[in-house]
Amino acid sequence: MGESAAPHAPRALGGRLTAVAGQRRWRGRPLLLVVPGLLLVLFLAVPVVALVWRAVGTPGFLHTLRGPLVLQALRLSALTTTISMLLAVLGGTPLAYLLARRRFRAKRLIETLVDLPLVLPPVVAGVALLMAFGRQGLLGGTLGLLGIEIPFTTAAVVLAQVFVATPFYVRGAKVGFRGVPPEIEDAAALDGADAWQTARHVTLPLALPGIGSGLVLCWARALSEFGATLMFAGNFPGRTQTMPLAVMTALESDLGSALALSVLLVAAAATVLALSRLVAGDRLGD
């Protein structure tokens, strides 16, 4: 028993020495690390705390949450983001798999096009959608002949959300598919599973953490979309006025409603962050 434990002694001693050395380095410069980090954390936390404090302290806050402006915008955002997520999953899942597991000539170009909305200013995204689907746009004439009008409708809200949010899902799903060892899929095929059975019972379950994380971030981006929606869909209550647009409208005449909507969006953002970490398998505090 003593002989089996002997080889582990040097490693244990080395680990303790490393820990002691790390503590000594930390003791030598705590202020250099703590102060800038603490200032940044305070800078990020104070506006959020101030928003929640002011909203909760406003008379009639709970009543405002049930007001027509808030409920109308909440229902529209729930509807459009749900449709946007479904479209992202239907189109983004096979695309993410191809980008993660296949090599082809146009791969770099496609990856660039998919990631472009991530860095594109939202207002520019809205103008681009207008130039594509507006009456005078690239496809506007053809859509007009078919009796289809997209700009300044609820459909325009969905398209704007899909355009800016789908890249988040594709990136997450791509990471998930890359984490699935091809050998496991090959083993399933050798056992007699066809392509659909392998995807359903092997690939998708193993890639689920990446897919789930991408889906959560996609929903969050769709919910918070503002610039492209304003340019392409307008700001019409009950038709295109999502929660971020309702905040802008309420700031002009009803600060209480603006605060209530803002708090709901903050709560949604915090929930998204928690869900994304949970789906990715991270532990709080890591």
Protein backbone atom coordinates (compact mmCIF):
# COMPACT_ATOMS: atom_id res chain seq x y z
CA MET A 1 0.00 0.00 0.00
CA GLY A 2 2.92 2.30 0.83
CA GLU A 3 4.57 1.54 -2.51
CA SER A 4 1.44 2.38 -4.50
CA ALA A 5 1.09 5.71 -2.75
CA ALA A 6 4.75 6.65 -3.17
CA PRO A 7 4.58 7.77 -6.84
CA HIS A 8 1.79 10.18 -5.96
CA ALA A 9 3.76 11.93 -3.22
CA PRO A 10 5.94 14.09 -5.53
CA ARG A 11 2.89 15.23 -7.48
CA ALA A 12 1.00 16.12 -4.31
CA LEU A 13 4.03 18.01 -2.99
CA GLY A 14 4.40 19.82 -6.30
CA GLY A 15 0.75 20.80 -6.22
CA ARG A 16 1.08 22.27 -2.72
CA LEU A 17 4.22 24.17 -3.69
CA THR A 18 2.45 25.61 -6.74
CA ALA A 19 -0.50 26.69 -4.59
CA VAL A 20 1.80 28.35 -2.04
CA ALA A 21 3.69 30.16 -4.81
CA GLY A 22 0.42 31.35 -6.30
CA GLN A 23 -0.74 32.69 -2.96
CA ARG A 24 2.53 34.57 -2.50
CA ARG A 25 2.21 36.16 -5.94
CA TRP A 26 -1.38 37.14 -5.13
CA ARG A 27 -0.40 38.69 -1.80
CA GLY A 28 2.18 40.82 -3.53
CA ARG A 29 -0.24 42.66 -5.81
CA PRO A 30 -3.87 42.46 -4.65
CA LEU A 31 -4.78 46.09 -5.32
CA LEU A 32 -3.42 45.91 -8.86
CA LEU A 33 -5.92 43.17 -9.68
CA VAL A 34 -8.88 43.92 -7.40
CA VAL A 35 -9.39 47.66 -7.83
CA PRO A 36 -9.74 47.85 -11.64
CA GLY A 37 -11.91 44.74 -11.71
CA LEU A 38 -14.12 46.03 -8.89
CA LEU A 39 -14.56 49.39 -10.60
CA LEU A 40 -15.62 47.69 -13.81
CA VAL A 41 -18.09 45.43 -11.98
CA LEU A 42 -19.59 48.47 -10.23
CA PHE A 43 -19.85 50.33 -13.52
CA LEU A 44 -21.75 47.40 -15.03
CA ALA A 45 -23.94 46.80 -11.99
CA VAL A 46 -24.96 50.32 -10.97
CA PRO A 47 -27.12 51.14 -14.05
CA VAL A 48 -29.00 47.83 -13.75
CA VAL A 49 -29.54 48.29 -10.01
CA ALA A 50 -30.66 51.88 -10.57
CA LEU A 51 -33.14 50.77 -13.23
CA VAL A 52 -34.69 48.08 -11.05
CA TRP A 53 -34.71 50.34 -7.98
CA ARG A 54 -36.43 53.18 -9.83
CA ALA A 55 -38.96 50.88 -11.49
CA VAL A 56 -39.94 48.99 -8.34
CA GLY A 57 -40.13 52.27 -6.40
CA THR A 58 -42.50 53.84 -8.92
CA PRO A 59 -46.09 53.98 -7.62
CA GLY A 60 -48.34 51.50 -9.41
CA PHE A 61 -45.46 49.42 -10.75
CA LEU A 62 -47.40 46.14 -10.59
CA HIS A 63 -50.43 47.78 -12.16
CA THR A 64 -48.24 49.14 -14.96
CA LEU A 65 -47.02 45.60 -15.74
CA ARG A 66 -50.63 44.74 -16.58
CA GLY A 67 -51.14 47.85 -18.70
CA PRO A 68 -52.19 47.59 -22.38
CA LEU A 69 -48.90 48.91 -23.77
CA VAL A 70 -46.84 46.36 -21.82
CA LEU A 71 -49.12 43.38 -22.46
CA GLN A 72 -49.50 44.19 -26.15
CA ALA A 73 -45.75 44.47 -26.68
CA LEU A 74 -45.14 41.35 -24.58
CA ARG A 75 -47.58 39.26 -26.61
CA LEU A 76 -46.13 40.43 -29.92
CA SER A 77 -42.56 39.78 -28.79
CA ALA A 78 -43.49 36.30 -27.55
CA LEU A 79 -45.16 35.47 -30.86
CA THR A 80 -42.46 36.80 -33.16
CA THR A 81 -39.51 35.40 -31.20
CA THR A 82 -41.13 31.95 -31.10
CA ILE A 83 -41.60 31.95 -34.88
CA SER A 84 -38.06 33.28 -35.35
CA MET A 85 -36.60 30.48 -33.23
CA LEU A 86 -38.52 27.85 -35.17
CA LEU A 87 -37.21 29.24 -38.46
CA ALA A 88 -33.68 29.40 -37.05
CA VAL A 89 -33.84 25.76 -35.98
CA LEU A 90 -35.32 24.55 -39.27
CA GLY A 91 -32.75 26.30 -41.44
CA GLY A 92 -29.83 26.60 -39.05
CA THR A 93 -29.55 23.01 -37.82
CA PRO A 94 -28.67 21.37 -41.15
CA LEU A 95 -26.46 24.32 -42.06
CA ALA A 96 -24.60 24.10 -38.76
CA TYR A 97 -24.06 20.37 -39.29
CA LEU A 98 -22.65 20.92 -42.78
CA LEU A 99 -20.33 23.67 -41.60
CA ALA A 100 -19.16 21.57 -38.65
CA ARG A 101 -18.66 18.21 -40.36
CA ARG A 102 -18.11 18.77 -44.08
CA ARG A 103 -15.48 20.44 -46.24
CA PHE A 104 -16.45 22.18 -49.47
CA ARG A 105 -15.22 25.08 -51.56
CA ALA A 106 -17.69 27.75 -50.53
CA LYS A 107 -17.49 26.94 -46.81
CA ARG A 108 -15.47 30.03 -45.83
CA LEU A 109 -17.76 32.29 -47.86
CA ILE A 110 -20.90 30.80 -46.28
CA GLU A 111 -19.44 31.11 -42.76
CA THR A 112 -18.66 34.76 -43.45
CA LEU A 113 -22.18 35.44 -44.71
CA VAL A 114 -23.73 33.70 -41.71
CA ASP A 115 -21.57 35.61 -39.21
CA LEU A 116 -21.92 38.99 -40.93
CA PRO A 117 -25.12 40.04 -39.09
CA LEU A 118 -23.21 39.64 -35.81
CA VAL A 119 -21.03 42.65 -36.62
CA LEU A 120 -23.40 44.55 -38.89
CA PRO A 121 -25.01 47.66 -37.33
CA PRO A 122 -28.72 46.89 -36.75
CA VAL A 123 -29.82 49.96 -38.69
CA VAL A 124 -27.79 48.80 -41.68
CA ALA A 125 -29.43 45.39 -41.37
CA GLY A 126 -32.82 47.06 -41.55
CA VAL A 127 -31.86 49.06 -44.64
CA ALA A 128 -30.53 45.88 -46.26
CA LEU A 129 -33.82 44.09 -45.61
CA LEU A 130 -35.69 47.01 -47.15
CA MET A 131 -33.46 46.88 -50.23
CA ALA A 132 -34.19 43.17 -50.53
CA PHE A 133 -37.91 42.90 -49.70
CA GLY A 134 -39.23 46.48 -49.96
CA ARG A 135 -41.46 47.67 -52.77
CA GLN A 136 -38.46 49.04 -54.66
CA GLY A 137 -36.17 46.27 -53.45
CA LEU A 138 -34.48 43.44 -55.27
CA LEU A 139 -37.35 41.02 -54.67
CA GLY A 140 -40.06 43.60 -54.05
CA GLY A 141 -41.43 43.57 -57.60
CA THR A 142 -41.79 39.79 -57.67
CA LEU A 143 -43.42 39.75 -54.24
CA GLY A 144 -45.78 42.53 -55.34
CA LEU A 145 -46.94 40.48 -58.33
CA LEU A 146 -47.75 37.66 -55.93
CA GLY A 147 -49.70 40.01 -53.69
CA ILE A 148 -47.16 39.78 -50.87
CA GLU A 149 -46.15 42.89 -48.96
CA ILE A 150 -43.62 42.41 -46.16
CA PRO A 151 -42.31 45.79 -44.91
CA PHE A 152 -44.11 47.32 -41.91
CA THR A 153 -45.94 44.09 -41.08
CA THR A 154 -45.55 41.48 -38.36
CA ALA A 155 -43.81 39.30 -40.93
CA ALA A 156 -41.16 42.02 -41.25
CA VAL A 157 -40.53 41.80 -37.51
CA VAL A 158 -39.95 38.06 -37.82
CA LEU A 159 -37.60 38.47 -40.77
CA ALA A 160 -35.60 41.14 -38.96
CA GLN A 161 -35.27 38.90 -35.91
CA VAL A 162 -34.26 35.90 -38.00
CA PHE A 163 -31.65 37.95 -39.84
CA VAL A 164 -29.89 39.25 -36.74
CA ALA A 165 -30.43 36.31 -34.36
CA THR A 166 -29.96 33.14 -36.43
CA PRO A 167 -26.13 33.43 -36.49
CA PHE A 168 -26.12 32.91 -32.72
CA TYR A 169 -27.97 29.63 -33.13
CA VAL A 170 -25.81 28.45 -36.02
CA ARG A 171 -22.61 29.17 -34.08
CA GLY A 172 -23.85 27.32 -31.00
CA ALA A 173 -25.14 24.34 -32.97
CA LYS A 174 -21.90 24.19 -34.94
CA VAL A 175 -19.90 23.93 -31.72
CA GLY A 176 -22.26 21.19 -30.54
CA PHE A 177 -21.90 19.13 -33.72
CA ARG A 178 -18.13 19.51 -33.69
CA GLY A 179 -18.10 18.00 -30.22
CA VAL A 180 -19.69 14.74 -31.40
CA PRO A 181 -16.99 12.14 -32.21
CA PRO A 182 -17.54 10.77 -35.74
CA GLU A 183 -16.57 7.32 -34.46
CA ILE A 184 -19.78 7.14 -32.44
CA GLU A 185 -21.87 7.89 -35.52
CA ASP A 186 -19.91 5.28 -37.49
CA ALA A 187 -20.54 2.73 -34.75
CA ALA A 188 -24.27 3.44 -34.87
CA ALA A 189 -24.24 2.96 -38.64
CA LEU A 190 -22.43 -0.37 -38.23
CA ASP A 191 -25.13 -1.47 -35.80
CA GLY A 192 -27.71 -0.94 -38.54
CA ALA A 193 -28.97 2.57 -37.80
CA ASP A 194 -29.88 4.66 -40.83
CA ALA A 195 -28.98 8.36 -41.18
CA TRP A 196 -32.18 9.60 -39.50
CA GLN A 197 -31.88 7.17 -36.58
CA THR A 198 -28.23 8.11 -36.08
CA ALA A 199 -29.08 11.81 -36.09
CA ARG A 200 -32.06 11.37 -33.76
CA HIS A 201 -30.57 8.99 -31.20
CA VAL A 202 -26.84 9.80 -31.36
CA THR A 203 -25.83 13.10 -32.99
CA LEU A 204 -28.55 15.43 -31.74
CA PRO A 205 -28.51 14.27 -28.09
CA LEU A 206 -24.73 14.58 -27.90
CA ALA A 207 -24.79 18.01 -29.59
CA LEU A 208 -27.69 19.22 -27.42
CA PRO A 209 -25.62 21.43 -25.06
CA GLY A 210 -24.28 23.49 -27.97
CA ILE A 211 -27.64 23.54 -29.72
CA GLY A 212 -29.47 24.58 -26.55
CA SER A 213 -26.98 27.32 -25.76
CA GLY A 214 -27.22 28.67 -29.30
CA LEU A 215 -31.01 28.56 -29.17
CA VAL A 216 -31.16 30.50 -25.92
CA LEU A 217 -28.81 33.19 -27.22
CA CYS A 218 -30.76 33.32 -30.49
CA TRP A 219 -34.00 33.95 -28.58
CA ALA A 220 -32.35 36.63 -26.45
CA ARG A 221 -31.03 38.45 -29.51
CA ALA A 222 -34.41 38.25 -31.23
CA LEU A 223 -36.16 39.59 -28.14
CA SER A 224 -33.80 42.55 -27.86
CA GLU A 225 -33.76 43.43 -31.57
CA PHE A 226 -34.46 47.13 -32.16
CA GLY A 227 -32.69 48.85 -35.05
CA ALA A 228 -33.45 46.46 -37.91
CA THR A 229 -37.05 46.10 -36.73
CA LEU A 230 -37.56 49.86 -36.58
CA MET A 231 -36.16 50.39 -40.09
CA PHE A 232 -37.84 47.42 -41.76
CA ALA A 233 -41.06 46.94 -39.80
CA GLY A 234 -41.75 50.34 -38.24
CA ASN A 235 -43.24 50.99 -34.82
CA PHE A 236 -46.96 50.24 -34.96
CA PRO A 237 -48.67 49.15 -31.72
CA GLY A 238 -50.11 45.66 -31.90
CA ARG A 239 -48.51 44.97 -35.28
CA THR A 240 -44.79 45.67 -35.15
CA GLN A 241 -44.16 47.28 -31.76
CA THR A 242 -42.05 44.77 -29.86
CA MET A 243 -40.84 45.34 -26.30
CA PRO A 244 -37.71 47.37 -27.16
CA LEU A 245 -39.73 49.61 -29.49
CA ALA A 246 -42.41 49.99 -26.82
CA VAL A 247 -39.75 51.19 -24.38
CA MET A 248 -38.74 53.93 -26.81
CA THR A 249 -42.38 54.94 -27.33
CA ALA A 250 -43.19 54.92 -23.62
CA LEU A 251 -40.20 57.13 -22.77
CA GLU A 252 -41.91 59.99 -24.59
CA SER A 253 -45.08 59.98 -22.46
CA ASP A 254 -45.18 57.16 -19.89
CA LEU A 255 -41.98 56.62 -17.92
CA GLY A 256 -43.63 53.99 -15.72
CA SER A 257 -44.40 51.74 -18.68
CA ALA A 258 -40.89 52.25 -20.06
CA LEU A 259 -39.41 51.22 -16.71
CA ALA A 260 -41.70 48.20 -16.44
CA LEU A 261 -40.78 46.98 -19.91
CA SER A 262 -37.11 47.59 -19.24
CA VAL A 263 -37.23 45.52 -16.06
CA LEU A 264 -38.93 42.69 -17.95
CA LEU A 265 -36.16 42.78 -20.54
CA VAL A 266 -33.49 42.79 -17.84
CA ALA A 267 -35.15 39.79 -16.19
CA ALA A 268 -35.28 38.02 -19.54
CA ALA A 269 -31.60 38.74 -20.16
CA ALA A 270 -30.62 37.42 -16.72
CA THR A 271 -32.70 34.30 -17.31
CA VAL A 272 -31.04 33.76 -20.67
CA LEU A 273 -27.57 33.98 -19.14
CA ALA A 274 -28.50 31.48 -16.44
CA LEU A 275 -30.06 29.09 -18.96
CA SER A 276 -27.13 29.30 -21.35
CA ARG A 277 -24.71 28.41 -18.56
CA LEU A 278 -26.99 25.62 -17.37
CA VAL A 279 -27.36 24.14 -20.84
CA ALA A 280 -23.62 24.40 -21.45
CA GLY A 281 -23.00 22.49 -18.23
CA ASP A 282 -21.12 25.28 -16.43
CA ARG A 283 -21.29 25.64 -12.68
CA LEU A 284 -22.18 28.95 -11.15
CA GLY A 285 -19.05 30.64 -9.96
CA ASP A 286 -16.61 28.83 -12.27
